């Protein structure tokens, strides 16, 4: 078992670096601390993140700012209806002079990938991402290439109701660790945004976190203690999405399919990471409750009845959390 005092010391040192990272990102992004924190969680746990919101809410800016503050290879890919799988993973190029094929690697061969407006590309392009996201490898022709750690896909999308978008396949949605809903800024934040962007000065962010430091922080997150009772609480939440009848609150008419085992794995990771970001070496039940929404909302499939009654995933998750016994 990890020494508690040594772990506390490592977390305290890491917190100073994390604070510097937030301060650097704040030079570009006004407010949205929760969004930046969740994006950082993806980087610290190796989980991919889907950010949804209407255009103009700084989704792309936030992802790029975080990437700029980390000394990692960053690549932005604009997803469009005419994008091809080879535009992502790369392709084989034939040379008439040597009569041989050479590999031209695509933009996925970077550490942090910003998949901008991911739901504007058709299903064939989405499927090209699956191997990279799950296996951390890419196959071009007969050759398979392992992707260097860290490899994270931070994707943004506009709501499905927007014109010219495609629903993401369920198999791909499940591979995103978190799904974040970005809302409009407060009046104070919007005033600050307006003032900041009315000036012509361009802010260049400086990297404050290196890849070795990032990988070291990942080890600290893995060492964060989680009590067996809290592990059982995570399982209770996951199983309540699959069979809500024991709760006796009528949720079974709203839930068509519950979440996969990836939900319990990722909820455990996310709770540890949240504890780490808050400077603790142990998980409390509130960490699990806080992260449950971002982990579950894109994995749970609701019935037509839920849609007709305007009952969304977050309302279902809240009902489950309100009626489950907390350890």
Protein backbone atom coordinates (compact mmCIF):
# COMPACT_ATOMS: atom_id res chain seq x y z
CA UNK A 1 0.00 0.00 0.00
CA UNK A 2 1.20 3.52 -0.82
CA UNK A 3 2.57 5.51 2.15
CA UNK A 4 -0.08 8.12 2.97
CA UNK A 5 2.37 10.85 4.00
CA UNK A 6 4.55 10.33 0.90
CA UNK A 7 1.43 10.43 -1.31
CA UNK A 8 0.25 13.65 0.36
CA UNK A 9 3.65 15.22 -0.30
CA UNK A 10 3.59 14.20 -3.98
CA UNK A 11 0.05 15.57 -4.38
CA UNK A 12 1.02 18.88 -2.74
CA UNK A 13 3.95 19.30 -5.14
CA UNK A 14 1.78 18.38 -8.13
CA UNK A 15 -0.92 20.86 -7.05
CA UNK A 16 1.55 23.73 -7.46
CA UNK A 17 2.21 22.70 -11.08
CA UNK A 18 -1.51 22.17 -11.76
CA UNK A 19 -2.23 25.64 -10.35
CA UNK A 20 0.33 27.11 -12.77
CA UNK A 21 -1.40 25.28 -15.63
CA UNK A 22 -4.81 26.74 -14.72
CA UNK A 23 -3.28 30.23 -14.39
CA UNK A 24 -1.76 29.94 -17.88
CA UNK A 25 -5.03 28.76 -19.47
CA UNK A 26 -6.94 31.55 -17.69
CA UNK A 27 -4.99 34.05 -19.82
CA UNK A 28 -7.06 32.91 -22.81
CA UNK A 29 -10.24 31.33 -21.43
CA UNK A 30 -12.57 33.37 -19.21
CA UNK A 31 -14.47 31.32 -16.63
CA UNK A 32 -15.10 27.71 -17.72
CA UNK A 33 -12.92 26.40 -14.85
CA UNK A 34 -15.06 23.25 -14.67
CA UNK A 35 -14.53 22.59 -18.39
CA UNK A 36 -10.75 23.05 -18.14
CA UNK A 37 -10.62 20.81 -15.06
CA UNK A 38 -12.51 18.03 -16.87
CA UNK A 39 -10.30 18.35 -19.97
CA UNK A 40 -7.25 18.04 -17.73
CA UNK A 41 -8.82 14.93 -16.18
CA UNK A 42 -8.83 13.31 -19.61
CA UNK A 43 -5.13 14.07 -20.06
CA UNK A 44 -4.30 12.77 -16.55
CA UNK A 45 -6.24 9.51 -16.93
CA UNK A 46 -5.73 8.80 -20.63
CA UNK A 47 -9.47 9.12 -21.26
CA UNK A 48 -11.03 10.74 -24.34
CA UNK A 49 -13.50 13.59 -23.85
CA UNK A 50 -16.50 14.79 -25.83
CA UNK A 51 -17.49 18.44 -25.36
CA UNK A 52 -20.95 19.45 -26.57
CA UNK A 53 -22.43 22.92 -26.87
CA UNK A 54 -23.81 25.40 -29.37
CA UNK A 55 -21.27 27.32 -31.50
CA UNK A 56 -19.32 30.18 -29.93
CA UNK A 57 -18.92 28.89 -26.36
CA UNK A 58 -15.08 28.61 -26.50
CA UNK A 59 -15.02 24.80 -26.73
CA UNK A 60 -12.23 24.81 -29.31
CA UNK A 61 -10.39 27.66 -27.56
CA UNK A 62 -10.41 25.79 -24.23
CA UNK A 63 -9.04 22.57 -25.75
CA UNK A 64 -6.32 24.42 -27.68
CA UNK A 65 -5.34 26.50 -24.64
CA UNK A 66 -4.90 23.37 -22.51
CA UNK A 67 -2.82 21.72 -25.24
CA UNK A 68 -0.64 24.85 -25.57
CA UNK A 69 0.05 24.80 -21.82
CA UNK A 70 1.40 21.22 -22.06
CA UNK A 71 4.67 20.40 -23.85
CA UNK A 72 3.01 17.79 -26.06
CA UNK A 73 2.46 17.37 -29.78
CA UNK A 74 -0.88 18.94 -30.63
CA UNK A 75 -2.94 18.57 -33.80
CA UNK A 76 -6.30 20.08 -34.67
CA UNK A 77 -8.48 18.25 -37.20
CA UNK A 78 -11.54 20.01 -38.59
CA UNK A 79 -14.17 17.35 -39.27
CA UNK A 80 -16.20 17.99 -42.43
CA UNK A 81 -18.69 15.92 -44.47
CA UNK A 82 -16.05 15.25 -47.16
CA UNK A 83 -13.31 14.05 -44.74
CA UNK A 84 -11.87 10.61 -45.57
CA UNK A 85 -10.42 7.98 -43.17
CA UNK A 86 -7.00 8.38 -44.84
CA UNK A 87 -7.11 12.09 -43.94
CA UNK A 88 -6.99 11.00 -40.29
CA UNK A 89 -4.79 7.92 -40.07
CA UNK A 90 -2.58 8.40 -43.14
CA UNK A 91 -2.09 6.32 -46.25
CA UNK A 92 0.34 4.37 -48.43
CA UNK A 93 1.96 6.31 -51.25
CA UNK A 94 3.40 4.51 -54.29
CA UNK A 95 6.72 5.73 -55.68
CA UNK A 96 7.18 4.88 -59.42
CA UNK A 97 10.92 5.49 -59.06
CA UNK A 98 11.50 2.87 -56.34
CA UNK A 99 8.38 0.84 -57.18
CA UNK A 100 7.62 0.66 -53.47
CA UNK A 101 4.93 1.94 -51.12
CA UNK A 102 5.84 4.34 -48.32
CA UNK A 103 3.74 5.27 -45.32
CA UNK A 104 2.56 8.87 -44.93
CA UNK A 105 1.30 9.22 -41.38
CA UNK A 106 -1.84 11.26 -40.70
CA UNK A 107 -2.62 13.82 -38.00
CA UNK A 108 -3.63 11.16 -35.43
CA UNK A 109 0.09 10.53 -34.81
CA UNK A 110 0.24 13.27 -32.17
CA UNK A 111 -0.29 13.38 -28.40
CA UNK A 112 -3.34 15.62 -28.11
CA UNK A 113 -5.89 15.55 -30.92
CA UNK A 114 -8.57 18.22 -31.15
CA UNK A 115 -11.34 16.65 -33.22
CA UNK A 116 -13.26 19.83 -33.96
CA UNK A 117 -16.99 19.43 -34.72
CA UNK A 118 -16.57 15.65 -34.74
CA UNK A 119 -20.24 15.06 -35.58
CA UNK A 120 -19.92 16.81 -38.96
CA UNK A 121 -18.10 13.82 -40.51
CA UNK A 122 -19.88 10.64 -41.71
CA UNK A 123 -19.76 7.20 -40.06
CA UNK A 124 -16.81 5.85 -42.08
CA UNK A 125 -14.55 8.57 -40.69
CA UNK A 126 -15.84 7.99 -37.15
CA UNK A 127 -14.99 4.29 -37.43
CA UNK A 128 -11.42 5.18 -38.43
CA UNK A 129 -11.03 6.76 -34.99
CA UNK A 130 -12.17 3.68 -33.05
CA UNK A 131 -8.94 1.67 -33.25
CA UNK A 132 -6.82 4.68 -32.27
CA UNK A 133 -9.10 5.59 -29.35
CA UNK A 134 -9.45 2.10 -27.90
CA UNK A 135 -6.26 0.22 -28.84
CA UNK A 136 -3.93 3.27 -28.94
CA UNK A 137 -2.67 2.01 -32.29
CA UNK A 138 -3.23 2.68 -36.01
CA UNK A 139 -3.12 0.20 -38.88
CA UNK A 140 -2.17 1.44 -42.36
CA UNK A 141 -2.14 -1.33 -44.96
CA UNK A 142 -0.44 -4.30 -43.31
CA UNK A 143 1.54 -2.24 -40.78
CA UNK A 144 0.39 -1.42 -37.26
CA UNK A 145 1.87 1.53 -35.37
CA UNK A 146 1.64 2.01 -31.59
CA UNK A 147 0.74 5.55 -30.61
CA UNK A 148 2.99 7.36 -28.13
CA UNK A 149 1.62 8.20 -24.69
CA UNK A 150 -0.10 10.39 -23.90
CA UNK A 151 -2.67 9.99 -26.69
CA UNK A 152 -5.93 11.83 -26.06
CA UNK A 153 -8.83 12.73 -28.35
CA UNK A 154 -10.58 15.88 -27.14
CA UNK A 155 -13.59 16.21 -29.42
CA UNK A 156 -16.10 19.03 -29.75
CA UNK A 157 -19.54 18.75 -31.27
CA UNK A 158 -22.60 20.86 -31.82
CA UNK A 159 -25.95 19.49 -30.62
CA UNK A 160 -27.50 16.96 -33.01
CA UNK A 161 -30.38 19.34 -33.82
CA UNK A 162 -27.96 21.63 -35.65
CA UNK A 163 -28.10 21.35 -39.44
CA UNK A 164 -25.45 19.25 -41.19
CA UNK A 165 -24.51 16.94 -38.31
CA UNK A 166 -24.42 13.15 -37.94
CA UNK A 167 -25.22 11.23 -34.72
CA UNK A 168 -22.10 9.49 -33.39
CA UNK A 169 -22.30 5.66 -33.27
CA UNK A 170 -23.04 4.19 -29.82
CA UNK A 171 -19.78 2.18 -29.92
CA UNK A 172 -17.80 5.37 -30.37
CA UNK A 173 -19.71 7.33 -27.74
CA UNK A 174 -18.89 4.60 -25.22
CA UNK A 175 -15.18 5.13 -25.86
CA UNK A 176 -15.34 8.70 -24.61
CA UNK A 177 -14.58 8.77 -20.90
CA UNK A 178 -16.56 11.98 -20.28
CA UNK A 179 -19.23 13.92 -22.10
CA UNK A 180 -19.33 17.57 -21.07
CA UNK A 181 -22.22 19.95 -21.73
CA UNK A 182 -21.02 23.54 -22.12
CA UNK A 183 -23.54 26.24 -21.27
CA UNK A 184 -23.61 30.01 -21.78
CA UNK A 185 -21.32 32.14 -19.55
CA UNK A 186 -22.62 34.24 -16.66
CA UNK A 187 -23.20 37.98 -17.11
CA UNK A 188 -19.91 38.79 -15.33
CA UNK A 189 -17.93 36.30 -17.44
CA UNK A 190 -19.49 37.55 -20.66
CA UNK A 191 -18.59 41.13 -19.77
CA UNK A 192 -14.98 40.02 -19.12
CA UNK A 193 -14.93 38.11 -22.44
CA UNK A 194 -16.21 41.15 -24.32
CA UNK A 195 -13.59 43.45 -22.77
CA UNK A 196 -10.72 41.01 -23.30
CA UNK A 197 -11.47 40.32 -26.95
CA UNK A 198 -12.14 43.96 -27.83
CA UNK A 199 -8.38 44.58 -27.56
CA UNK A 200 -6.02 43.55 -30.34
CA UNK A 201 -3.35 41.96 -28.12
CA UNK A 202 -2.61 38.29 -28.85
CA UNK A 203 -1.67 36.09 -25.89
CA UNK A 204 0.91 33.36 -26.51
CA UNK A 205 0.63 30.62 -23.89
CA UNK A 206 3.81 29.07 -22.52
CA UNK A 207 4.06 25.33 -21.76
CA UNK A 208 4.09 24.78 -17.98
CA UNK A 209 3.79 20.98 -17.90
CA UNK A 210 6.11 18.48 -19.59
CA UNK A 211 5.18 14.96 -20.72
CA UNK A 212 7.38 13.27 -18.04
CA UNK A 213 5.62 15.38 -15.37
CA UNK A 214 2.26 14.48 -16.87
CA UNK A 215 3.05 10.75 -16.81
CA UNK A 216 4.25 11.11 -13.20
CA UNK A 217 0.95 12.75 -12.26
CA UNK A 218 -0.85 9.79 -13.84
CA UNK A 219 0.99 7.47 -11.43
CA UNK A 220 -0.09 9.66 -8.50
CA UNK A 221 -3.73 9.48 -9.63
CA UNK A 222 -3.46 5.68 -9.76
CA UNK A 223 -2.15 5.68 -6.17
CA UNK A 224 -5.08 7.71 -4.80
CA UNK A 225 -6.88 5.51 -2.26
CA UNK A 226 -10.46 4.40 -2.86
CA UNK A 227 -12.27 2.48 -0.15
CA UNK A 228 -13.96 -0.85 -1.08
CA UNK A 229 -17.28 0.64 0.12
CA UNK A 230 -16.95 3.43 -2.47
CA UNK A 231 -16.08 0.85 -5.15
CA UNK A 232 -19.30 -0.96 -4.24
CA UNK A 233 -21.17 2.38 -4.44
CA UNK A 234 -19.88 2.82 -8.02
CA UNK A 235 -21.14 -0.66 -8.91
CA UNK A 236 -24.52 0.12 -7.31
CA UNK A 237 -24.87 3.22 -9.51
CA UNK A 238 -23.92 1.32 -12.68
CA UNK A 239 -26.29 -1.58 -11.95
CA UNK A 240 -29.12 0.84 -11.16
CA UNK A 241 -28.93 2.04 -14.79
CA UNK A 242 -29.31 -1.56 -15.99
CA UNK A 243 -32.02 -2.64 -13.57
CA UNK A 244 -33.66 0.31 -11.80
CA UNK A 245 -36.65 -1.72 -10.49
CA UNK A 246 -35.16 -2.32 -6.99
CA UNK A 247 -35.13 1.47 -6.45
CA UNK A 248 -38.96 1.44 -6.83
CA UNK A 249 -39.15 4.93 -8.37
CA UNK A 250 -40.44 3.99 -11.84
CA UNK A 251 -37.22 4.67 -13.76
CA UNK A 252 -37.51 1.43 -15.75
CA UNK A 253 -39.98 3.07 -18.14
CA UNK A 254 -37.37 5.71 -19.02
CA UNK A 255 -34.26 3.51 -19.42
CA UNK A 256 -33.91 1.38 -22.54
CA UNK A 257 -30.32 0.23 -22.01
CA UNK A 258 -27.99 0.75 -19.06
CA UNK A 259 -24.32 1.60 -19.19
CA UNK A 260 -21.42 -0.71 -20.09
CA UNK A 261 -18.57 -1.83 -17.77
CA UNK A 262 -16.53 1.07 -19.19
CA UNK A 263 -18.73 3.32 -17.04
CA UNK A 264 -17.66 1.68 -13.76
CA UNK A 265 -13.99 1.64 -14.82
CA UNK A 266 -14.06 5.30 -15.84
CA UNK A 267 -16.08 6.42 -12.79
CA UNK A 268 -13.40 4.87 -10.56
CA UNK A 269 -10.64 6.67 -12.51
CA UNK A 270 -12.50 9.99 -12.60
CA UNK A 271 -13.24 9.93 -8.86
CA UNK A 272 -9.54 9.32 -8.11
CA UNK A 273 -8.55 12.13 -10.47
CA UNK A 274 -11.02 14.59 -8.95
CA UNK A 275 -9.65 13.78 -5.48
CA UNK A 276 -6.12 14.40 -6.81
CA UNK A 277 -7.08 17.76 -8.36
CA UNK A 278 -8.65 18.80 -5.06
CA UNK A 279 -5.44 17.93 -3.21
CA UNK A 280 -6.62 14.72 -1.53
CA UNK A 281 -5.00 11.27 -1.51
CA UNK A 282 -8.32 9.52 -0.99
CA UNK A 283 -11.75 9.42 -2.65
CA UNK A 284 -14.94 10.52 -0.88
CA UNK A 285 -18.48 9.58 -2.03
CA UNK A 286 -19.10 13.14 -3.28
CA UNK A 287 -16.31 12.65 -5.86
CA UNK A 288 -18.28 9.75 -7.32
CA UNK A 289 -21.57 11.68 -7.29
CA UNK A 290 -19.94 14.71 -8.96
CA UNK A 291 -18.39 12.67 -11.79
CA UNK A 292 -21.36 10.32 -12.35
CA UNK A 293 -23.12 12.78 -14.68
CA UNK A 294 -20.19 13.26 -17.08
CA UNK A 295 -19.43 9.51 -17.10
CA UNK A 296 -22.97 8.19 -17.60
CA UNK A 297 -24.95 10.78 -19.61
CA UNK A 298 -23.71 9.64 -23.05
CA UNK A 299 -23.78 5.91 -22.27
CA UNK A 300 -27.34 5.52 -21.04
CA UNK A 301 -30.03 4.98 -23.68
CA UNK A 302 -33.45 6.35 -22.84
CA UNK A 303 -36.85 5.26 -24.14
CA UNK A 304 -39.20 7.20 -26.40
CA UNK A 305 -41.36 7.70 -23.33
CA UNK A 306 -38.54 9.60 -21.63
CA UNK A 307 -38.13 11.76 -24.73
CA UNK A 308 -41.87 12.41 -24.90
CA UNK A 309 -41.93 13.49 -21.25
CA UNK A 310 -38.77 15.57 -21.70
CA UNK A 311 -36.81 13.46 -19.20
CA UNK A 312 -33.10 13.70 -20.02
CA UNK A 313 -30.11 11.58 -18.95
CA UNK A 314 -29.08 14.00 -16.18
CA UNK A 315 -32.54 13.81 -14.57
CA UNK A 316 -32.37 10.00 -14.58
CA UNK A 317 -28.86 10.02 -13.09
CA UNK A 318 -29.97 12.47 -10.37
CA UNK A 319 -32.90 10.20 -9.44
CA UNK A 320 -30.55 7.22 -9.12
CA UNK A 321 -28.07 9.16 -6.95
CA UNK A 322 -30.86 10.57 -4.76
CA UNK A 323 -32.28 7.11 -4.01
CA UNK A 324 -29.12 5.05 -3.56
CA UNK A 325 -27.61 4.65 -0.12
CA UNK A 326 -24.33 6.59 0.15
CA UNK A 327 -21.48 4.83 2.02
